[in-house]
Amino acid sequence: IFGRTKQVTAHSFGNLSHTSLKRIWTSREY
């Protein structure tokens, strides 16, 4: 960012394999 190095870390609000997309989308955190 304008010459300054930053580490971006992946962030997930849930995994679709074992949670519904609706539950993830409407979760408190998301």
PDB file of all heavy atoms in Angstrom:
ATOM      1  N   ILE A   1       0.852  -1.182   0.000  1.00  0.00           N
ATOM      2  CA  ILE A   1       0.000   0.000   0.000  1.00  0.00           C
ATOM      3  C   ILE A   1       0.892   1.238   0.000  1.00  0.00           C
ATOM      4  O   ILE A   1       1.505   1.568   1.017  1.00  0.00           O
ATOM      5  CB  ILE A   1      -0.928   0.026   1.235  1.00  0.00           C
ATOM      6  CG1 ILE A   1      -1.675  -1.303   1.391  1.00  0.00           C
ATOM      7  CG2 ILE A   1      -1.890   1.201   1.165  1.00  0.00           C
ATOM      8  CD1 ILE A   1      -2.655  -1.592   0.290  1.00  0.00           C
ATOM      9  N   PHE A   2       1.006   1.901  -1.144  1.00  0.00           N
ATOM     10  CA  PHE A   2       1.850   3.085  -1.263  1.00  0.00           C
ATOM     11  C   PHE A   2       3.241   2.838  -0.668  1.00  0.00           C
ATOM     12  O   PHE A   2       3.754   3.626   0.134  1.00  0.00           O
ATOM     13  CB  PHE A   2       1.187   4.284  -0.591  1.00  0.00           C
ATOM     14  CG  PHE A   2      -0.047   4.763  -1.290  1.00  0.00           C
ATOM     15  CD1 PHE A   2      -1.301   4.430  -0.803  1.00  0.00           C
ATOM     16  CD2 PHE A   2       0.029   5.535  -2.436  1.00  0.00           C
ATOM     17  CE1 PHE A   2      -2.451   4.863  -1.456  1.00  0.00           C
ATOM     18  CE2 PHE A   2      -1.116   5.974  -3.090  1.00  0.00           C
ATOM     19  CZ  PHE A   2      -2.357   5.641  -2.594  1.00  0.00           C
ATOM     20  N   GLY A   3       3.842   1.719  -1.050  1.00  0.00           N
ATOM     21  CA  GLY A   3       5.213   1.408  -0.643  1.00  0.00           C
ATOM     22  C   GLY A   3       5.341   0.684   0.681  1.00  0.00           C
ATOM     23  O   GLY A   3       6.445   0.303   1.067  1.00  0.00           O
ATOM     24  N   ARG A   4       4.233   0.469   1.376  1.00  0.00           N
ATOM     25  CA  ARG A   4       4.260  -0.172   2.691  1.00  0.00           C
ATOM     26  C   ARG A   4       3.685  -1.582   2.585  1.00  0.00           C
ATOM     27  O   ARG A   4       2.562  -1.780   2.140  1.00  0.00           O
ATOM     28  CB  ARG A   4       3.457   0.679   3.682  1.00  0.00           C
ATOM     29  CG  ARG A   4       3.275   0.076   5.055  1.00  0.00           C
ATOM     30  CD  ARG A   4       2.650   1.094   6.007  1.00  0.00           C
ATOM     31  NE  ARG A   4       1.549   1.813   5.374  1.00  0.00           N
ATOM     32  CZ  ARG A   4       0.298   1.355   5.312  1.00  0.00           C
ATOM     33  NH1 ARG A   4       0.007   0.178   5.805  1.00  0.00           N
ATOM     34  NH2 ARG A   4      -0.652   2.085   4.748  1.00  0.00           N
ATOM     35  N   THR A   5       4.453  -2.576   3.028  1.00  0.00           N
ATOM     36  CA  THR A   5       4.026  -3.968   2.925  1.00  0.00           C
ATOM     37  C   THR A   5       3.016  -4.327   4.015  1.00  0.00           C
ATOM     38  O   THR A   5       3.198  -3.978   5.182  1.00  0.00           O
ATOM     39  CB  THR A   5       5.231  -4.920   3.011  1.00  0.00           C
ATOM     40  OG1 THR A   5       6.151  -4.612   1.965  1.00  0.00           O
ATOM     41  CG2 THR A   5       4.787  -6.366   2.873  1.00  0.00           C
ATOM     42  N   LYS A   6       1.957  -5.024   3.614  1.00  0.00           N
ATOM     43  CA  LYS A   6       0.916  -5.445   4.539  1.00  0.00           C
ATOM     44  C   LYS A   6       0.573  -6.900   4.253  1.00  0.00           C
ATOM     45  O   LYS A   6       0.522  -7.318   3.094  1.00  0.00           O
ATOM     46  CB  LYS A   6      -0.328  -4.578   4.339  1.00  0.00           C
ATOM     47  CG  LYS A   6      -1.445  -4.785   5.352  1.00  0.00           C
ATOM     48  CD  LYS A   6      -2.637  -3.922   5.004  1.00  0.00           C
ATOM     49  CE  LYS A   6      -3.632  -3.840   6.149  1.00  0.00           C
ATOM     50  NZ  LYS A   6      -3.210  -2.861   7.163  1.00  0.00           N
ATOM     51  N   GLN A   7       0.336  -7.671   5.301  1.00  0.00           N
ATOM     52  CA  GLN A   7      -0.049  -9.070   5.129  1.00  0.00           C
ATOM     53  C   GLN A   7      -1.571  -9.190   5.214  1.00  0.00           C
ATOM     54  O   GLN A   7      -2.177  -8.908   6.247  1.00  0.00           O
ATOM     55  CB  GLN A   7       0.597  -9.948   6.206  1.00  0.00           C
ATOM     56  CG  GLN A   7       0.299 -11.427   6.072  1.00  0.00           C
ATOM     57  CD  GLN A   7       0.942 -12.064   4.846  1.00  0.00           C
ATOM     58  OE1 GLN A   7       1.896 -11.528   4.285  1.00  0.00           O
ATOM     59  NE2 GLN A   7       0.429 -13.204   4.434  1.00  0.00           N
ATOM     60  N   VAL A   8      -2.184  -9.600   4.111  1.00  0.00           N
ATOM     61  CA  VAL A   8      -3.622  -9.839   4.095  1.00  0.00           C
ATOM     62  C   VAL A   8      -3.865 -11.287   4.497  1.00  0.00           C
ATOM     63  O   VAL A   8      -3.250 -12.206   3.947  1.00  0.00           O
ATOM     64  CB  VAL A   8      -4.218  -9.576   2.699  1.00  0.00           C
ATOM     65  CG1 VAL A   8      -5.712  -9.906   2.691  1.00  0.00           C
ATOM     66  CG2 VAL A   8      -3.991  -8.136   2.289  1.00  0.00           C
ATOM     67  N   THR A   9      -4.755 -11.479   5.468  1.00  0.00           N
ATOM     68  CA  THR A   9      -5.088 -12.821   5.942  1.00  0.00           C
ATOM     69  C   THR A   9      -6.507 -13.174   5.525  1.00  0.00           C
ATOM     70  O   THR A   9      -7.437 -12.381   5.733  1.00  0.00           O
ATOM     71  CB  THR A   9      -4.969 -12.907   7.476  1.00  0.00           C
ATOM     72  OG1 THR A   9      -3.631 -12.573   7.862  1.00  0.00           O
ATOM     73  CG2 THR A   9      -5.303 -14.308   7.968  1.00  0.00           C
ATOM     74  N   ALA A  10      -6.681 -14.335   4.918  1.00  0.00           N
ATOM     75  CA  ALA A  10      -8.008 -14.773   4.496  1.00  0.00           C
ATOM     76  C   ALA A  10      -8.967 -14.763   5.681  1.00  0.00           C
ATOM     77  O   ALA A  10      -8.592 -15.106   6.809  1.00  0.00           O
ATOM     78  CB  ALA A  10      -7.935 -16.164   3.884  1.00  0.00           C
ATOM     79  N   HIS A  11     -10.222 -14.365   5.415  1.00  0.00           N
ATOM     80  CA  HIS A  11     -11.220 -14.346   6.482  1.00  0.00           C
ATOM     81  C   HIS A  11     -12.510 -14.968   5.978  1.00  0.00           C
ATOM     82  O   HIS A  11     -13.038 -14.586   4.934  1.00  0.00           O
ATOM     83  CB  HIS A  11     -11.496 -12.919   6.954  1.00  0.00           C
ATOM     84  CG  HIS A  11     -12.350 -12.868   8.174  1.00  0.00           C
ATOM     85  ND1 HIS A  11     -11.822 -12.852   9.447  1.00  0.00           N
ATOM     86  CD2 HIS A  11     -13.705 -12.866   8.337  1.00  0.00           C
ATOM     87  CE1 HIS A  11     -12.802 -12.821  10.330  1.00  0.00           C
ATOM     88  NE2 HIS A  11     -13.966 -12.830   9.678  1.00  0.00           N
ATOM     89  N   SER A  12     -13.024 -15.913   6.739  1.00  0.00           N
ATOM     90  CA  SER A  12     -14.257 -16.605   6.384  1.00  0.00           C
ATOM     91  C   SER A  12     -15.288 -16.428   7.491  1.00  0.00           C
ATOM     92  O   SER A  12     -14.956 -16.409   8.673  1.00  0.00           O
ATOM     93  CB  SER A  12     -13.979 -18.097   6.168  1.00  0.00           C
ATOM     94  OG  SER A  12     -15.184 -18.830   6.033  1.00  0.00           O
ATOM     95  N   PHE A  13     -16.564 -16.316   7.093  1.00  0.00           N
ATOM     96  CA  PHE A  13     -17.660 -16.240   8.058  1.00  0.00           C
ATOM     97  C   PHE A  13     -18.368 -17.581   8.214  1.00  0.00           C
ATOM     98  O   PHE A  13     -19.396 -17.664   8.889  1.00  0.00           O
ATOM     99  CB  PHE A  13     -18.650 -15.157   7.641  1.00  0.00           C
ATOM    100  CG  PHE A  13     -18.127 -13.774   7.846  1.00  0.00           C
ATOM    101  CD1 PHE A  13     -17.568 -13.062   6.790  1.00  0.00           C
ATOM    102  CD2 PHE A  13     -18.148 -13.181   9.099  1.00  0.00           C
ATOM    103  CE1 PHE A  13     -17.067 -11.782   6.985  1.00  0.00           C
ATOM    104  CE2 PHE A  13     -17.647 -11.909   9.309  1.00  0.00           C
ATOM    105  CZ  PHE A  13     -17.105 -11.200   8.249  1.00  0.00           C
ATOM    106  N   GLY A  14     -17.818 -18.623   7.613  1.00  0.00           N
ATOM    107  CA  GLY A  14     -18.380 -19.954   7.735  1.00  0.00           C
ATOM    108  C   GLY A  14     -18.051 -20.772   6.509  1.00  0.00           C
ATOM    109  O   GLY A  14     -17.636 -20.242   5.472  1.00  0.00           O
ATOM    110  N   ASN A  15     -18.206 -22.072   6.635  1.00  0.00           N
ATOM    111  CA  ASN A  15     -17.912 -22.968   5.517  1.00  0.00           C
ATOM    112  C   ASN A  15     -19.199 -23.589   5.011  1.00  0.00           C
ATOM    113  O   ASN A  15     -19.972 -24.174   5.779  1.00  0.00           O
ATOM    114  CB  ASN A  15     -16.928 -24.058   5.938  1.00  0.00           C
ATOM    115  CG  ASN A  15     -16.372 -24.814   4.755  1.00  0.00           C
ATOM    116  OD1 ASN A  15     -17.096 -25.494   4.038  1.00  0.00           O
ATOM    117  ND2 ASN A  15     -15.072 -24.691   4.523  1.00  0.00           N
ATOM    118  N   LEU A  16     -19.407 -23.473   3.709  1.00  0.00           N
ATOM    119  CA  LEU A  16     -20.642 -23.939   3.095  1.00  0.00           C
ATOM    120  C   LEU A  16     -20.778 -25.456   3.151  1.00  0.00           C
ATOM    121  O   LEU A  16     -21.880 -25.988   3.010  1.00  0.00           O
ATOM    122  CB  LEU A  16     -20.689 -23.457   1.641  1.00  0.00           C
ATOM    123  CG  LEU A  16     -22.052 -23.425   0.962  1.00  0.00           C
ATOM    124  CD1 LEU A  16     -22.963 -22.430   1.648  1.00  0.00           C
ATOM    125  CD2 LEU A  16     -21.894 -23.063  -0.511  1.00  0.00           C
ATOM    126  N   SER A  17     -19.685 -26.160   3.381  1.00  0.00           N
ATOM    127  CA  SER A  17     -19.736 -27.614   3.400  1.00  0.00           C
ATOM    128  C   SER A  17     -20.610 -28.137   4.541  1.00  0.00           C
ATOM    129  O   SER A  17     -21.240 -29.182   4.409  1.00  0.00           O
ATOM    130  CB  SER A  17     -18.329 -28.201   3.540  1.00  0.00           C
ATOM    131  OG  SER A  17     -17.535 -27.864   2.424  1.00  0.00           O
ATOM    132  N   HIS A  18     -20.638 -27.405   5.659  1.00  0.00           N
ATOM    133  CA  HIS A  18     -21.389 -27.893   6.811  1.00  0.00           C
ATOM    134  C   HIS A  18     -22.326 -26.850   7.428  1.00  0.00           C
ATOM    135  O   HIS A  18     -22.887 -27.065   8.499  1.00  0.00           O
ATOM    136  CB  HIS A  18     -20.437 -28.429   7.892  1.00  0.00           C
ATOM    137  CG  HIS A  18     -19.268 -27.541   8.165  1.00  0.00           C
ATOM    138  ND1 HIS A  18     -19.368 -26.350   8.842  1.00  0.00           N
ATOM    139  CD2 HIS A  18     -17.963 -27.671   7.825  1.00  0.00           C
ATOM    140  CE1 HIS A  18     -18.173 -25.788   8.935  1.00  0.00           C
ATOM    141  NE2 HIS A  18     -17.299 -26.563   8.318  1.00  0.00           N
ATOM    142  N   THR A  19     -22.496 -25.708   6.744  1.00  0.00           N
ATOM    143  CA  THR A  19     -23.410 -24.670   7.216  1.00  0.00           C
ATOM    144  C   THR A  19     -24.166 -24.111   6.022  1.00  0.00           C
ATOM    145  O   THR A  19     -23.602 -23.998   4.932  1.00  0.00           O
ATOM    146  CB  THR A  19     -22.642 -23.515   7.907  1.00  0.00           C
ATOM    147  OG1 THR A  19     -21.750 -24.054   8.876  1.00  0.00           O
ATOM    148  CG2 THR A  19     -23.602 -22.543   8.589  1.00  0.00           C
ATOM    149  N   SER A  20     -25.413 -23.757   6.218  1.00  0.00           N
ATOM    150  CA  SER A  20     -26.182 -23.207   5.101  1.00  0.00           C
ATOM    151  C   SER A  20     -25.720 -21.793   4.780  1.00  0.00           C
ATOM    152  O   SER A  20     -25.274 -21.056   5.666  1.00  0.00           O
ATOM    153  CB  SER A  20     -27.679 -23.194   5.432  1.00  0.00           C
ATOM    154  OG  SER A  20     -27.990 -22.169   6.346  1.00  0.00           O
ATOM    155  N   LEU A  21     -25.836 -21.425   3.515  1.00  0.00           N
ATOM    156  CA  LEU A  21     -25.464 -20.075   3.106  1.00  0.00           C
ATOM    157  C   LEU A  21     -26.338 -19.045   3.808  1.00  0.00           C
ATOM    158  O   LEU A  21     -25.863 -17.960   4.171  1.00  0.00           O
ATOM    159  CB  LEU A  21     -25.589 -19.932   1.583  1.00  0.00           C
ATOM    160  CG  LEU A  21     -25.111 -18.616   0.973  1.00  0.00           C
ATOM    161  CD1 LEU A  21     -23.649 -18.347   1.306  1.00  0.00           C
ATOM    162  CD2 LEU A  21     -25.326 -18.621  -0.538  1.00  0.00           C
ATOM    163  N   LYS A  22     -27.592 -19.371   4.016  1.00  0.00           N
ATOM    164  CA  LYS A  22     -28.483 -18.449   4.729  1.00  0.00           C
ATOM    165  C   LYS A  22     -27.989 -18.198   6.144  1.00  0.00           C
ATOM    166  O   LYS A  22     -27.971 -17.055   6.618  1.00  0.00           O
ATOM    167  CB  LYS A  22     -29.904 -19.015   4.759  1.00  0.00           C
ATOM    168  CG  LYS A  22     -30.889 -18.141   5.526  1.00  0.00           C
ATOM    169  CD  LYS A  22     -32.274 -18.760   5.562  1.00  0.00           C
ATOM    170  CE  LYS A  22     -33.245 -17.909   6.395  1.00  0.00           C
ATOM    171  NZ  LYS A  22     -34.603 -18.524   6.449  1.00  0.00           N
ATOM    172  N   ARG A  23     -27.603 -19.254   6.831  1.00  0.00           N
ATOM    173  CA  ARG A  23     -27.123 -19.085   8.208  1.00  0.00           C
ATOM    174  C   ARG A  23     -25.840 -18.250   8.244  1.00  0.00           C
ATOM    175  O   ARG A  23     -25.659 -17.430   9.141  1.00  0.00           O
ATOM    176  CB  ARG A  23     -26.894 -20.451   8.846  1.00  0.00           C
ATOM    177  CG  ARG A  23     -26.333 -20.383  10.260  1.00  0.00           C
ATOM    178  CD  ARG A  23     -26.368 -21.724  10.955  1.00  0.00           C
ATOM    179  NE  ARG A  23     -27.745 -22.131  11.232  1.00  0.00           N
ATOM    180  CZ  ARG A  23     -28.063 -23.223  11.940  1.00  0.00           C
ATOM    181  NH1 ARG A  23     -27.111 -24.012  12.416  1.00  0.00           N
ATOM    182  NH2 ARG A  23     -29.327 -23.520  12.138  1.00  0.00           N
ATOM    183  N   ILE A  24     -24.969 -18.471   7.275  1.00  0.00           N
ATOM    184  CA  ILE A  24     -23.728 -17.683   7.227  1.00  0.00           C
ATOM    185  C   ILE A  24     -24.043 -16.221   6.930  1.00  0.00           C
ATOM    186  O   ILE A  24     -23.552 -15.317   7.606  1.00  0.00           O
ATOM    187  CB  ILE A  24     -22.772 -18.261   6.161  1.00  0.00           C
ATOM    188  CG1 ILE A  24     -22.320 -19.670   6.561  1.00  0.00           C
ATOM    189  CG2 ILE A  24     -21.566 -17.348   5.962  1.00  0.00           C
ATOM    190  CD1 ILE A  24     -21.556 -20.399   5.477  1.00  0.00           C
ATOM    191  N   TRP A  25     -24.874 -15.978   5.904  1.00  0.00           N
ATOM    192  CA  TRP A  25     -25.189 -14.612   5.477  1.00  0.00           C
ATOM    193  C   TRP A  25     -25.877 -13.808   6.584  1.00  0.00           C
ATOM    194  O   TRP A  25     -25.646 -12.613   6.729  1.00  0.00           O
ATOM    195  CB  TRP A  25     -26.063 -14.653   4.231  1.00  0.00           C
ATOM    196  CG  TRP A  25     -26.463 -13.321   3.681  1.00  0.00           C
ATOM    197  CD1 TRP A  25     -27.680 -12.711   3.815  1.00  0.00           C
ATOM    198  CD2 TRP A  25     -25.652 -12.405   2.936  1.00  0.00           C
ATOM    199  NE1 TRP A  25     -27.689 -11.490   3.189  1.00  0.00           N
ATOM    200  CE2 TRP A  25     -26.454 -11.275   2.636  1.00  0.00           C
ATOM    201  CE3 TRP A  25     -24.335 -12.443   2.479  1.00  0.00           C
ATOM    202  CZ2 TRP A  25     -25.968 -10.190   1.906  1.00  0.00           C
ATOM    203  CZ3 TRP A  25     -23.859 -11.369   1.747  1.00  0.00           C
ATOM    204  CH2 TRP A  25     -24.663 -10.257   1.470  1.00  0.00           C
ATOM    205  N   THR A  26     -26.725 -14.459   7.363  1.00  0.00           N
ATOM    206  CA  THR A  26     -27.483 -13.759   8.404  1.00  0.00           C
ATOM    207  C   THR A  26     -26.867 -13.901   9.786  1.00  0.00           C
ATOM    208  O   THR A  26     -27.479 -13.524  10.790  1.00  0.00           O
ATOM    209  CB  THR A  26     -28.935 -14.274   8.446  1.00  0.00           C
ATOM    210  OG1 THR A  26     -28.940 -15.678   8.718  1.00  0.00           O
ATOM    211  CG2 THR A  26     -29.647 -14.005   7.126  1.00  0.00           C
ATOM    212  N   SER A  27     -25.654 -14.443   9.863  1.00  0.00           N
ATOM    213  CA  SER A  27     -24.995 -14.608  11.165  1.00  0.00           C
ATOM    214  C   SER A  27     -24.679 -13.249  11.781  1.00  0.00           C
ATOM    215  O   SER A  27     -24.548 -12.234  11.097  1.00  0.00           O
ATOM    216  CB  SER A  27     -23.702 -15.412  11.012  1.00  0.00           C
ATOM    217  OG  SER A  27     -22.738 -14.680  10.270  1.00  0.00           O
ATOM    218  N   ARG A  28     -24.578 -13.237  13.080  1.00  0.00           N
ATOM    219  CA  ARG A  28     -24.296 -12.006  13.814  1.00  0.00           C
ATOM    220  C   ARG A  28     -23.001 -11.360  13.337  1.00  0.00           C
ATOM    221  O   ARG A  28     -22.938 -10.152  13.110  1.00  0.00           O
ATOM    222  CB  ARG A  28     -24.224 -12.313  15.317  1.00  0.00           C
ATOM    223  CG  ARG A  28     -23.950 -11.094  16.206  1.00  0.00           C
ATOM    224  CD  ARG A  28     -23.904 -11.496  17.670  1.00  0.00           C
ATOM    225  NE  ARG A  28     -23.622 -10.354  18.513  1.00  0.00           N
ATOM    226  CZ  ARG A  28     -24.544  -9.517  18.974  1.00  0.00           C
ATOM    227  NH1 ARG A  28     -25.821  -9.710  18.656  1.00  0.00           N
ATOM    228  NH2 ARG A  28     -24.205  -8.499  19.741  1.00  0.00           N
ATOM    229  N   GLU A  29     -21.958 -12.156  13.165  1.00  0.00           N
ATOM    230  CA  GLU A  29     -20.652 -11.621  12.785  1.00  0.00           C
ATOM    231  C   GLU A  29     -20.671 -11.021  11.387  1.00  0.00           C
ATOM    232  O   GLU A  29     -20.109  -9.931  11.149  1.00  0.00           O
ATOM    233  CB  GLU A  29     -19.591 -12.725  12.872  1.00  0.00           C
ATOM    234  CG  GLU A  29     -19.320 -13.238  14.273  1.00  0.00           C
ATOM    235  CD  GLU A  29     -20.414 -14.182  14.780  1.00  0.00           C
ATOM    236  OE1 GLU A  29     -21.238 -14.651  13.947  1.00  0.00           O
ATOM    237  OE2 GLU A  29     -20.441 -14.467  16.000  1.00  0.00           O
ATOM    238  N   TYR A  30     -21.315 -11.717  10.440  1.00  0.00           N
ATOM    239  CA  TYR A  30     -21.330 -11.231   9.056  1.00  0.00           C
ATOM    240  C   TYR A  30     -22.222  -9.990   8.926  1.00  0.00           C
ATOM    241  O   TYR A  30     -21.893  -9.045   8.202  1.00  0.00           O
ATOM    242  CB  TYR A  30     -21.811 -12.348   8.130  1.00  0.00           C
ATOM    243  CG  TYR A  30     -21.400 -12.205   6.676  1.00  0.00           C
ATOM    244  CD1 TYR A  30     -21.634 -13.241   5.773  1.00  0.00           C
ATOM    245  CD2 TYR A  30     -20.762 -11.061   6.183  1.00  0.00           C
ATOM    246  CE1 TYR A  30     -21.265 -13.143   4.441  1.00  0.00           C
ATOM    247  CE2 TYR A  30     -20.393 -10.953   4.852  1.00  0.00           C
ATOM    248  CZ  TYR A  30     -20.654 -11.995   3.988  1.00  0.00           C
ATOM    249  OH  TYR A  30     -20.289 -11.871   2.669  1.00  0.00           O
TER     250      TYR A  30
END
